[in-house]
Amino acid sequence: MAKAPQLITVKCPCCEADLHIDPVTKAVIRFEEHEQRSPLADFDVAMQHMRGEAGRREDAFKKSLENHKNQTDILSKKFDEMLRLAKENPDAPPPKRDIDFD
């Protein structure tokens, strides 16, 4: 008895079904449809994701607000340090600005 050739399994790019192809005849011998998830399950996942997004947005806003509150203190400390350095070395050239590098 002749041994049956091994079938080649290919996934359809359109419907994602599994196609089993005979390499000798190059014909589709059988196919298995792709199992569709129910739209209700997708909707539940989307709703859970949206509920989680609200918390992440709130955390990002609080972090941004804290950074904004501290920014004036940081800038004043940087200014005081640069002023102190300028008074210690009055003959030193001013620091290069971004526009000076062009």
C-alpha atoms as a PDB file:
ATOM      1  CA  MET A   1       0.000   0.000   0.000  1.00  0.00           C
ATOM      2  CA  ALA A   2       1.383   3.395  -0.954  1.00  0.00           C
ATOM      3  CA  LYS A   3       1.988   5.821   1.843  1.00  0.00           C
ATOM      4  CA  ALA A   4      -0.303   8.873   1.717  1.00  0.00           C
ATOM      5  CA  PRO A   5       1.619  12.141   1.263  1.00  0.00           C
ATOM      6  CA  GLN A   6       1.751  14.524   4.179  1.00  0.00           C
ATOM      7  CA  LEU A   7      -0.740  17.379   3.925  1.00  0.00           C
ATOM      8  CA  ILE A   8       0.531  20.934   4.099  1.00  0.00           C
ATOM      9  CA  THR A   9      -1.330  23.213   6.508  1.00  0.00           C
ATOM     10  CA  VAL A  10      -1.693  26.858   5.519  1.00  0.00           C
ATOM     11  CA  LYS A  11      -3.565  29.645   7.314  1.00  0.00           C
ATOM     12  CA  CYS A  12      -5.834  31.686   5.049  1.00  0.00           C
ATOM     13  CA  PRO A  13      -4.853  35.381   5.290  1.00  0.00           C
ATOM     14  CA  CYS A  14      -8.421  36.483   4.680  1.00  0.00           C
ATOM     15  CA  CYS A  15     -10.570  34.382   7.012  1.00  0.00           C
ATOM     16  CA  GLU A  16      -7.797  32.765   9.111  1.00  0.00           C
ATOM     17  CA  ALA A  17      -9.116  29.256   8.355  1.00  0.00           C
ATOM     18  CA  ASP A  18      -6.644  26.337   8.339  1.00  0.00           C
ATOM     19  CA  LEU A  19      -6.367  24.903   4.826  1.00  0.00           C
ATOM     20  CA  HIS A  20      -4.930  21.377   4.441  1.00  0.00           C
ATOM     21  CA  ILE A  21      -3.412  21.049   0.967  1.00  0.00           C
ATOM     22  CA  ASP A  22      -2.226  17.893  -0.834  1.00  0.00           C
ATOM     23  CA  PRO A  23       1.218  18.693  -2.291  1.00  0.00           C
ATOM     24  CA  VAL A  24       0.807  16.224  -5.181  1.00  0.00           C
ATOM     25  CA  THR A  25      -2.531  17.414  -6.527  1.00  0.00           C
ATOM     26  CA  LYS A  26      -2.218  20.941  -5.093  1.00  0.00           C
ATOM     27  CA  ALA A  27      -5.846  20.809  -4.029  1.00  0.00           C
ATOM     28  CA  VAL A  28      -7.457  21.765  -0.733  1.00  0.00           C
ATOM     29  CA  ILE A  29      -8.367  18.463   0.888  1.00  0.00           C
ATOM     30  CA  ARG A  30     -10.047  19.897   3.982  1.00  0.00           C
ATOM     31  CA  PHE A  31     -10.328  23.152   5.886  1.00  0.00           C
ATOM     32  CA  GLU A  32     -11.048  24.126   9.460  1.00  0.00           C
ATOM     33  CA  GLU A  33     -12.879  27.365  10.024  1.00  0.00           C
ATOM     34  CA  HIS A  34     -11.390  29.896  12.381  1.00  0.00           C
ATOM     35  CA  GLU A  35     -13.240  30.014  15.683  1.00  0.00           C
ATOM     36  CA  GLN A  36     -14.760  33.470  16.068  1.00  0.00           C
ATOM     37  CA  ARG A  37     -14.861  35.068  19.490  1.00  0.00           C
ATOM     38  CA  SER A  38     -18.211  36.376  20.514  1.00  0.00           C
ATOM     39  CA  PRO A  39     -18.592  40.151  20.175  1.00  0.00           C
ATOM     40  CA  LEU A  40     -19.865  40.265  23.743  1.00  0.00           C
ATOM     41  CA  ALA A  41     -16.538  38.983  25.075  1.00  0.00           C
ATOM     42  CA  ASP A  42     -14.676  41.621  23.057  1.00  0.00           C
ATOM     43  CA  PHE A  43     -16.998  44.307  24.397  1.00  0.00           C
ATOM     44  CA  ASP A  44     -16.393  43.185  28.002  1.00  0.00           C
ATOM     45  CA  VAL A  45     -12.636  43.310  27.471  1.00  0.00           C
ATOM     46  CA  ALA A  46     -12.928  46.770  25.949  1.00  0.00           C
ATOM     47  CA  MET A  47     -14.989  48.008  28.883  1.00  0.00           C
ATOM     48  CA  GLN A  48     -12.452  46.661  31.395  1.00  0.00           C
ATOM     49  CA  HIS A  49      -9.688  48.371  29.430  1.00  0.00           C
ATOM     50  CA  MET A  50     -11.581  51.676  29.469  1.00  0.00           C
ATOM     51  CA  ARG A  51     -12.146  51.435  33.227  1.00  0.00           C
ATOM     52  CA  GLY A  52      -8.423  50.890  33.700  1.00  0.00           C
ATOM     53  CA  GLU A  53      -7.615  53.825  31.424  1.00  0.00           C
ATOM     54  CA  ALA A  54      -9.437  56.246  33.731  1.00  0.00           C
ATOM     55  CA  GLY A  55      -7.158  55.306  36.624  1.00  0.00           C
ATOM     56  CA  ARG A  56      -4.026  55.600  34.473  1.00  0.00           C
ATOM     57  CA  ARG A  57      -5.113  59.023  33.226  1.00  0.00           C
ATOM     58  CA  GLU A  58      -5.734  60.179  36.788  1.00  0.00           C
ATOM     59  CA  ASP A  59      -2.292  58.944  37.895  1.00  0.00           C
ATOM     60  CA  ALA A  60      -0.602  60.674  34.957  1.00  0.00           C
ATOM     61  CA  PHE A  61      -2.444  63.914  35.741  1.00  0.00           C
ATOM     62  CA  LYS A  62      -1.433  63.816  39.414  1.00  0.00           C
ATOM     63  CA  LYS A  63       2.197  63.159  38.472  1.00  0.00           C
ATOM     64  CA  SER A  64       2.167  66.033  35.989  1.00  0.00           C
ATOM     65  CA  LEU A  65       0.589  68.336  38.572  1.00  0.00           C
ATOM     66  CA  GLU A  66       3.284  67.476  41.147  1.00  0.00           C
ATOM     67  CA  ASN A  67       6.024  68.099  38.567  1.00  0.00           C
ATOM     68  CA  HIS A  68       4.462  71.434  37.673  1.00  0.00           C
ATOM     69  CA  LYS A  69       4.268  72.482  41.334  1.00  0.00           C
ATOM     70  CA  ASN A  70       7.940  71.614  41.875  1.00  0.00           C
ATOM     71  CA  GLN A  71       9.116  73.199  38.636  1.00  0.00           C
ATOM     72  CA  THR A  72       9.257  76.743  40.052  1.00  0.00           C
ATOM     73  CA  ASP A  73      11.432  75.563  42.958  1.00  0.00           C
ATOM     74  CA  ILE A  74      13.757  73.691  40.612  1.00  0.00           C
ATOM     75  CA  LEU A  75      14.089  76.644  38.246  1.00  0.00           C
ATOM     76  CA  SER A  76      14.779  79.079  41.089  1.00  0.00           C
ATOM     77  CA  LYS A  77      17.482  76.761  42.478  1.00  0.00           C
ATOM     78  CA  LYS A  78      19.082  76.482  39.028  1.00  0.00           C
ATOM     79  CA  PHE A  79      18.987  80.269  38.651  1.00  0.00           C
ATOM     80  CA  ASP A  80      20.546  80.817  42.101  1.00  0.00           C
ATOM     81  CA  GLU A  81      23.331  78.351  41.308  1.00  0.00           C
ATOM     82  CA  MET A  82      24.108  79.958  37.945  1.00  0.00           C
ATOM     83  CA  LEU A  83      24.055  83.426  39.540  1.00  0.00           C
ATOM     84  CA  ARG A  84      26.447  82.253  42.254  1.00  0.00           C
ATOM     85  CA  LEU A  85      28.810  80.832  39.606  1.00  0.00           C
ATOM     86  CA  ALA A  86      28.618  84.059  37.592  1.00  0.00           C
ATOM     87  CA  LYS A  87      29.507  86.143  40.670  1.00  0.00           C
ATOM     88  CA  GLU A  88      32.447  83.861  41.563  1.00  0.00           C
ATOM     89  CA  ASN A  89      33.919  84.015  38.037  1.00  0.00           C
ATOM     90  CA  PRO A  90      33.001  87.379  36.475  1.00  0.00           C
ATOM     91  CA  ASP A  91      35.612  86.993  33.695  1.00  0.00           C
ATOM     92  CA  ALA A  92      34.278  83.614  32.513  1.00  0.00           C
ATOM     93  CA  PRO A  93      32.443  83.626  29.174  1.00  0.00           C
ATOM     94  CA  PRO A  94      28.671  83.122  29.344  1.00  0.00           C
ATOM     95  CA  PRO A  95      27.475  79.562  28.818  1.00  0.00           C
ATOM     96  CA  LYS A  96      26.585  78.531  25.285  1.00  0.00           C
ATOM     97  CA  ARG A  97      22.917  78.536  24.381  1.00  0.00           C
ATOM     98  CA  ASP A  98      21.268  76.026  22.058  1.00  0.00           C
ATOM     99  CA  ILE A  99      21.099  78.633  19.309  1.00  0.00           C
ATOM    100  CA  ASP A 100      24.858  79.266  19.538  1.00  0.00           C
ATOM    101  CA  PHE A 101      25.687  75.742  18.345  1.00  0.00           C
ATOM    102  CA  ASP A 102      24.278  76.288  14.815  1.00  0.00           C
END
